[in-house]
Every structure is written in C-alpha cells, then in structure tokens.
N, C-alpha and C. Protein backbone atom coordinates (compact mmCIF):
# COMPACT_ATOMS: atom_id res chain seq x y z
N MET A 1 -170.93 -150.15 -137.49
CA MET A 1 -172.06 -149.79 -136.73
C MET A 1 -172.74 -150.53 -135.66
N THR A 2 -173.61 -149.98 -134.90
CA THR A 2 -174.39 -150.50 -133.83
C THR A 2 -175.86 -150.46 -134.33
N ARG A 3 -176.33 -151.54 -134.40
CA ARG A 3 -177.68 -151.52 -134.50
C ARG A 3 -178.69 -151.59 -133.40
N ILE A 4 -179.64 -150.74 -133.52
CA ILE A 4 -180.49 -150.48 -132.30
C ILE A 4 -182.11 -150.81 -132.67
N TYR A 5 -182.89 -151.17 -131.88
CA TYR A 5 -184.26 -151.60 -132.24
C TYR A 5 -185.26 -150.76 -131.65
N LYS A 6 -186.47 -150.54 -132.52
CA LYS A 6 -187.76 -150.05 -131.70
C LYS A 6 -188.74 -150.99 -132.10
N LEU A 7 -189.32 -151.46 -130.63
CA LEU A 7 -190.76 -152.11 -130.74
C LEU A 7 -191.78 -151.02 -130.90
N ILE A 8 -192.61 -151.44 -132.06
CA ILE A 8 -193.66 -150.30 -132.20
C ILE A 8 -194.93 -151.17 -132.85
N SER A 9 -195.99 -150.71 -132.82
CA SER A 9 -197.20 -151.38 -133.44
C SER A 9 -197.13 -151.05 -135.08
N ARG A 10 -197.71 -151.76 -135.76
CA ARG A 10 -197.53 -151.68 -137.36
C ARG A 10 -198.36 -150.23 -137.53
N GLU A 11 -199.43 -150.10 -136.85
CA GLU A 11 -200.17 -148.76 -137.29
C GLU A 11 -199.40 -147.57 -136.94
N ALA A 12 -198.65 -147.74 -135.68
CA ALA A 12 -197.88 -146.60 -135.17
C ALA A 12 -196.74 -146.40 -136.48
N TRP A 13 -196.33 -147.11 -136.63
CA TRP A 13 -194.84 -147.03 -137.72
C TRP A 13 -195.58 -146.65 -138.99
N GLN A 14 -196.91 -146.99 -139.49
CA GLN A 14 -197.37 -146.29 -140.85
C GLN A 14 -197.54 -145.25 -140.50
N ALA A 15 -198.09 -144.69 -139.37
CA ALA A 15 -198.24 -143.26 -139.40
C ALA A 15 -197.23 -142.54 -139.36
N ALA A 16 -196.15 -142.93 -138.59
CA ALA A 16 -194.90 -142.15 -138.50
C ALA A 16 -194.30 -141.88 -139.82
N VAL A 17 -194.19 -143.31 -140.67
CA VAL A 17 -193.71 -143.05 -142.05
C VAL A 17 -194.47 -142.06 -142.83
N ALA A 18 -195.93 -141.95 -142.66
CA ALA A 18 -196.62 -141.22 -143.47
C ALA A 18 -196.22 -139.58 -143.12
N ALA A 19 -196.18 -139.60 -141.77
CA ALA A 19 -195.85 -138.07 -141.19
C ALA A 19 -194.31 -137.77 -141.42
N GLY A 20 -193.58 -138.85 -141.71
CA GLY A 20 -192.27 -138.22 -141.93
C GLY A 20 -191.34 -138.18 -140.57
N ARG A 21 -192.12 -138.44 -139.57
CA ARG A 21 -191.43 -138.46 -138.34
C ARG A 21 -192.25 -139.20 -137.10
N PHE A 22 -191.29 -139.36 -136.04
CA PHE A 22 -192.15 -140.25 -135.04
C PHE A 22 -191.62 -139.47 -133.53
N ASP A 23 -192.55 -138.98 -133.02
CA ASP A 23 -192.27 -138.58 -131.68
C ASP A 23 -192.38 -139.30 -130.58
N GLY A 24 -192.78 -140.43 -130.68
CA GLY A 24 -192.87 -141.43 -129.48
C GLY A 24 -194.13 -141.94 -129.34
N ALA A 25 -194.20 -143.17 -128.91
CA ALA A 25 -195.41 -144.08 -128.23
C ALA A 25 -195.66 -142.86 -126.89
N ALA A 26 -197.06 -143.34 -126.31
CA ALA A 26 -197.15 -142.98 -124.96
C ALA A 26 -196.10 -143.02 -123.83
N VAL A 27 -195.41 -144.04 -123.91
CA VAL A 27 -194.61 -144.32 -122.61
C VAL A 27 -193.40 -143.48 -123.22
N ASP A 28 -192.94 -143.27 -124.37
CA ASP A 28 -191.81 -142.58 -124.72
C ASP A 28 -192.07 -140.99 -124.42
N LEU A 29 -193.22 -140.58 -124.60
CA LEU A 29 -193.79 -139.10 -124.37
C LEU A 29 -193.73 -138.89 -122.95
N ALA A 30 -194.37 -139.79 -122.07
CA ALA A 30 -194.05 -139.67 -120.66
C ALA A 30 -192.82 -139.66 -120.00
N ASP A 31 -191.85 -140.52 -120.66
CA ASP A 31 -190.63 -140.44 -120.26
C ASP A 31 -189.64 -139.17 -120.70
N GLY A 32 -190.04 -138.70 -121.98
CA GLY A 32 -189.20 -137.51 -122.50
C GLY A 32 -188.31 -138.21 -123.53
N PHE A 33 -188.18 -139.12 -123.81
CA PHE A 33 -187.30 -139.76 -124.82
C PHE A 33 -187.98 -140.86 -125.44
N ILE A 34 -187.47 -141.59 -126.78
CA ILE A 34 -187.69 -142.39 -127.50
C ILE A 34 -187.03 -143.52 -126.98
N HIS A 35 -187.66 -144.73 -126.68
CA HIS A 35 -186.85 -145.91 -126.05
C HIS A 35 -186.62 -146.90 -127.32
N PHE A 36 -185.30 -147.40 -127.02
CA PHE A 36 -184.62 -148.42 -128.10
C PHE A 36 -183.95 -149.54 -127.19
N SER A 37 -183.87 -150.68 -128.04
CA SER A 37 -183.04 -151.71 -127.15
C SER A 37 -181.98 -152.30 -128.13
N THR A 38 -181.08 -152.85 -127.62
CA THR A 38 -180.03 -153.61 -128.59
C THR A 38 -180.53 -154.92 -128.97
N ALA A 39 -180.09 -155.58 -129.77
CA ALA A 39 -180.39 -156.81 -130.07
C ALA A 39 -180.30 -157.72 -128.79
N ALA A 40 -179.31 -157.71 -127.90
CA ALA A 40 -179.22 -158.42 -126.57
C ALA A 40 -180.37 -158.07 -125.75
N GLN A 41 -180.88 -156.89 -125.58
CA GLN A 41 -181.99 -156.15 -125.00
C GLN A 41 -183.31 -156.36 -125.23
N ALA A 42 -183.61 -156.51 -126.53
CA ALA A 42 -184.76 -156.50 -127.32
C ALA A 42 -185.64 -157.57 -126.71
N ALA A 43 -185.20 -158.76 -126.32
CA ALA A 43 -186.22 -160.09 -126.11
C ALA A 43 -186.81 -159.74 -124.76
N GLU A 44 -186.09 -159.27 -123.79
CA GLU A 44 -186.51 -159.15 -122.61
C GLU A 44 -187.59 -157.73 -122.56
N THR A 45 -187.24 -156.77 -123.48
CA THR A 45 -188.13 -155.61 -123.35
C THR A 45 -189.44 -155.92 -124.00
N GLY A 46 -189.20 -156.98 -124.94
CA GLY A 46 -190.57 -157.56 -125.71
C GLY A 46 -191.33 -158.44 -124.55
N ARG A 47 -190.60 -159.01 -123.70
CA ARG A 47 -191.38 -159.94 -122.88
C ARG A 47 -191.98 -159.02 -121.63
N ARG A 48 -191.51 -158.02 -121.44
CA ARG A 48 -191.96 -157.14 -120.34
C ARG A 48 -192.93 -156.31 -120.74
N TYR A 49 -193.00 -155.59 -121.94
CA TYR A 49 -193.89 -154.56 -122.35
C TYR A 49 -194.73 -154.67 -123.49
N PHE A 50 -194.45 -155.91 -124.19
CA PHE A 50 -195.33 -156.24 -125.51
C PHE A 50 -195.79 -157.49 -125.41
N ARG A 51 -195.89 -157.96 -124.32
CA ARG A 51 -196.57 -159.53 -124.49
C ARG A 51 -197.96 -159.44 -124.76
N GLY A 52 -198.27 -160.35 -125.79
CA GLY A 52 -199.52 -160.38 -126.17
C GLY A 52 -199.99 -159.37 -127.10
N GLN A 53 -198.95 -158.62 -127.63
CA GLN A 53 -199.41 -157.30 -128.40
C GLN A 53 -199.32 -157.94 -130.10
N LYS A 54 -200.33 -157.93 -130.70
CA LYS A 54 -200.32 -158.35 -132.06
C LYS A 54 -200.10 -157.19 -132.93
N ASP A 55 -199.62 -157.56 -134.14
CA ASP A 55 -199.20 -156.54 -135.26
C ASP A 55 -198.25 -155.77 -134.66
N LEU A 56 -197.29 -156.49 -134.16
CA LEU A 56 -196.01 -155.79 -133.80
C LEU A 56 -194.93 -155.76 -134.56
N LEU A 57 -194.05 -154.61 -134.82
CA LEU A 57 -192.93 -154.84 -135.71
C LEU A 57 -191.81 -154.31 -134.98
N VAL A 58 -190.64 -154.47 -135.26
CA VAL A 58 -189.52 -154.35 -134.81
C VAL A 58 -188.62 -153.59 -135.86
N VAL A 59 -188.36 -152.65 -135.56
CA VAL A 59 -187.45 -151.33 -136.66
C VAL A 59 -186.31 -151.42 -136.28
N GLY A 60 -185.14 -151.62 -137.16
CA GLY A 60 -183.87 -151.36 -136.77
C GLY A 60 -183.29 -150.20 -137.35
N PHE A 61 -182.17 -149.50 -136.54
CA PHE A 61 -181.53 -148.43 -136.88
C PHE A 61 -180.14 -148.53 -136.73
N GLU A 62 -179.35 -147.80 -137.43
CA GLU A 62 -177.74 -147.81 -136.89
C GLU A 62 -177.89 -146.57 -136.03
N ALA A 63 -177.10 -146.95 -134.88
CA ALA A 63 -177.26 -146.01 -133.75
C ALA A 63 -176.38 -144.69 -134.35
N GLU A 64 -175.45 -144.85 -134.75
CA GLU A 64 -174.43 -143.51 -135.23
C GLU A 64 -175.48 -142.78 -136.13
N THR A 65 -176.41 -142.98 -137.10
CA THR A 65 -177.09 -142.28 -137.90
C THR A 65 -178.14 -141.24 -137.18
N LEU A 66 -178.27 -141.55 -135.80
CA LEU A 66 -179.25 -140.70 -135.01
C LEU A 66 -178.51 -139.62 -134.27
N GLY A 67 -177.48 -139.35 -134.44
CA GLY A 67 -176.50 -138.30 -134.13
C GLY A 67 -176.51 -138.12 -132.28
N ALA A 68 -176.42 -136.67 -132.02
CA ALA A 68 -176.25 -136.42 -130.63
C ALA A 68 -177.42 -136.51 -129.60
N ALA A 69 -178.41 -136.47 -130.29
CA ALA A 69 -179.56 -136.70 -129.57
C ALA A 69 -179.88 -138.08 -129.07
N LEU A 70 -179.13 -139.11 -129.46
CA LEU A 70 -179.14 -140.47 -128.95
C LEU A 70 -178.10 -140.57 -127.79
N ARG A 71 -178.51 -140.84 -126.69
CA ARG A 71 -177.67 -141.23 -125.27
C ARG A 71 -178.05 -142.62 -124.90
N TRP A 72 -176.96 -143.00 -124.65
CA TRP A 72 -176.80 -144.43 -123.70
C TRP A 72 -176.81 -144.10 -122.19
N GLU A 73 -177.85 -144.79 -121.71
CA GLU A 73 -178.23 -144.35 -120.21
C GLU A 73 -178.60 -145.79 -119.35
N PRO A 74 -178.06 -145.71 -118.14
CA PRO A 74 -178.49 -147.01 -117.39
C PRO A 74 -180.02 -146.93 -117.25
N SER A 75 -180.41 -148.14 -117.34
CA SER A 75 -181.92 -148.52 -117.06
C SER A 75 -181.91 -150.15 -116.22
N ARG A 76 -182.79 -150.86 -117.03
CA ARG A 76 -183.03 -152.35 -116.42
C ARG A 76 -181.57 -152.84 -116.00
N GLY A 77 -181.37 -153.18 -114.60
CA GLY A 77 -180.46 -153.90 -114.23
C GLY A 77 -179.04 -153.16 -114.54
N GLY A 78 -178.97 -152.14 -114.55
CA GLY A 78 -177.63 -151.24 -114.70
C GLY A 78 -177.23 -151.15 -116.18
N ASP A 79 -177.87 -151.91 -117.25
CA ASP A 79 -177.53 -151.98 -118.66
C ASP A 79 -177.74 -150.79 -119.27
N LEU A 80 -176.83 -150.19 -120.08
CA LEU A 80 -177.02 -148.93 -121.03
C LEU A 80 -178.14 -149.36 -122.09
N PHE A 81 -179.01 -148.27 -122.17
CA PHE A 81 -180.08 -148.49 -123.27
C PHE A 81 -180.00 -147.30 -123.98
N PRO A 82 -180.56 -147.23 -125.18
CA PRO A 82 -180.34 -146.39 -126.09
C PRO A 82 -181.59 -145.43 -125.85
N HIS A 83 -181.42 -144.06 -125.81
CA HIS A 83 -182.58 -143.04 -125.71
C HIS A 83 -182.41 -142.07 -126.79
N LEU A 84 -183.49 -141.57 -127.37
CA LEU A 84 -183.48 -140.70 -128.58
C LEU A 84 -184.20 -139.38 -127.85
N TYR A 85 -183.44 -138.30 -127.58
CA TYR A 85 -184.13 -137.15 -126.93
C TYR A 85 -184.35 -136.60 -128.38
N GLY A 86 -185.49 -136.54 -129.01
CA GLY A 86 -185.92 -135.64 -130.15
C GLY A 86 -186.70 -136.53 -130.93
N PRO A 87 -187.15 -136.09 -132.27
CA PRO A 87 -188.08 -136.87 -133.14
C PRO A 87 -186.99 -137.93 -133.95
N LEU A 88 -187.73 -138.94 -134.30
CA LEU A 88 -187.07 -139.97 -135.14
C LEU A 88 -187.47 -139.84 -136.42
N ASP A 89 -186.78 -139.81 -137.58
CA ASP A 89 -186.71 -139.77 -138.79
C ASP A 89 -187.14 -141.12 -139.34
N PRO A 90 -188.18 -141.63 -139.72
CA PRO A 90 -188.32 -142.86 -140.36
C PRO A 90 -187.68 -143.45 -141.40
N ALA A 91 -187.23 -142.50 -142.13
CA ALA A 91 -186.34 -142.68 -143.20
C ALA A 91 -184.98 -143.29 -142.92
N LEU A 92 -184.54 -143.17 -141.80
CA LEU A 92 -183.38 -143.61 -141.25
C LEU A 92 -183.43 -145.13 -140.84
N ALA A 93 -184.53 -145.72 -141.02
CA ALA A 93 -184.47 -147.19 -140.64
C ALA A 93 -184.03 -148.12 -141.68
N VAL A 94 -183.25 -149.23 -141.20
CA VAL A 94 -182.60 -150.10 -142.09
C VAL A 94 -183.12 -151.21 -142.08
N GLU A 95 -184.18 -151.61 -141.24
CA GLU A 95 -184.92 -152.86 -141.52
C GLU A 95 -186.30 -152.82 -140.64
N THR A 96 -187.25 -153.46 -141.15
CA THR A 96 -188.48 -153.40 -140.49
C THR A 96 -188.80 -154.81 -140.56
N LEU A 97 -189.11 -155.55 -139.30
CA LEU A 97 -189.45 -157.03 -139.27
C LEU A 97 -190.83 -157.00 -138.77
N THR A 98 -191.60 -158.17 -139.10
CA THR A 98 -193.02 -158.51 -138.56
C THR A 98 -192.43 -159.26 -137.32
N VAL A 99 -193.08 -159.25 -135.95
CA VAL A 99 -192.70 -159.95 -134.84
C VAL A 99 -193.87 -160.96 -134.69
N GLU A 100 -193.37 -162.13 -134.46
CA GLU A 100 -194.19 -163.28 -134.17
C GLU A 100 -194.35 -163.47 -132.68
N LEU A 101 -195.49 -164.00 -132.15
CA LEU A 101 -195.56 -164.35 -130.63
C LEU A 101 -195.21 -165.50 -130.36
N ASP A 102 -194.71 -166.07 -129.35
CA ASP A 102 -194.57 -167.52 -128.96
C ASP A 102 -195.86 -167.75 -128.17
N ALA A 103 -195.94 -169.25 -127.84
CA ALA A 103 -197.00 -169.68 -127.22
C ALA A 103 -197.66 -168.85 -126.10
N GLU A 104 -196.80 -168.37 -125.33
CA GLU A 104 -197.14 -167.52 -124.02
C GLU A 104 -197.53 -165.87 -124.45
N GLY A 105 -197.44 -165.62 -125.73
CA GLY A 105 -197.55 -164.53 -126.08
C GLY A 105 -196.49 -163.44 -125.83
N ALA A 106 -195.26 -163.90 -125.93
CA ALA A 106 -194.06 -163.18 -126.01
C ALA A 106 -193.61 -162.81 -127.22
N PRO A 107 -193.23 -161.75 -127.65
CA PRO A 107 -192.51 -161.59 -128.88
C PRO A 107 -191.23 -162.26 -129.03
N MET A 108 -191.12 -162.83 -130.24
CA MET A 108 -189.89 -163.67 -130.57
C MET A 108 -188.79 -162.66 -131.17
N LEU A 109 -187.82 -162.18 -130.30
CA LEU A 109 -186.76 -161.39 -130.72
C LEU A 109 -185.40 -161.88 -130.93
N GLU A 110 -185.25 -163.32 -130.52
CA GLU A 110 -183.88 -163.80 -130.36
C GLU A 110 -183.09 -163.52 -131.46
N ALA A 111 -183.38 -163.51 -132.74
CA ALA A 111 -182.71 -163.54 -133.99
C ALA A 111 -182.23 -162.08 -134.28
N LEU A 112 -182.50 -161.21 -133.47
CA LEU A 112 -182.04 -159.97 -134.25
C LEU A 112 -180.67 -159.90 -134.35
N ARG A 113 -180.11 -158.92 -135.14
CA ARG A 113 -178.56 -158.74 -135.65
C ARG A 113 -178.19 -157.69 -134.39
N PRO A 114 -177.14 -158.10 -133.89
CA PRO A 114 -176.41 -156.89 -133.05
C PRO A 114 -175.96 -156.01 -133.82
C-alpha cells in the first residue's frame, strides 16, 4: 500500500468527518482536485503552503483505497503528486496526526510513514 497525506486544518477535518465527505479546501476547489502529498513530499508542501498555520492535521490514506479518481500528475519539480478528482470519504483515513511547528513556523512532517 502507498500512504498519501492531506494537510488540513483541524476545523475543516472535523467538518468533513461530521458531513461524511470532504470536497476540498479553497485551493483544491480552485484547482479542480484535492491535493495530497507523499511522505517524501509532505515536508516541502508544509513549508510552502502551511507555514505558521496552527491547529493543523496531517491525515493519512492508502492511495489504493481512493480508486480511479486518484491520479498521479506532475507538479513541483516534475514530481508526481497524488490528486483526487472527486469527494474524499473521511472514513477511509488510516491515521490522523496533529502537526507541530518548528521555530520558524514550518510544519514538522519529516517522520511520516512512506
């Protein structure tokens, strides 16, 4: 199984769990898909887009459980990133971790499971 991760505010994740689906954050809705990162990509994603964001979670999913709506597409630096074209079922999450920030406000995500 390939573990992929969604960085998300605690408030947005709690709303998704309560609703039984997540349609995406503002950036996801603007781009037309839900952004995910692999373990190797998550730290850079956190530094670029979530610096200083408190109450942040990283939610893990097994990529294979997301079906054909998940596509691996080139993005930053030509790396293939997982993008979900459709709603996300929060019940498919296999782990939810609270993210701590380092002294510069960057999320500390280096220890994620590949």
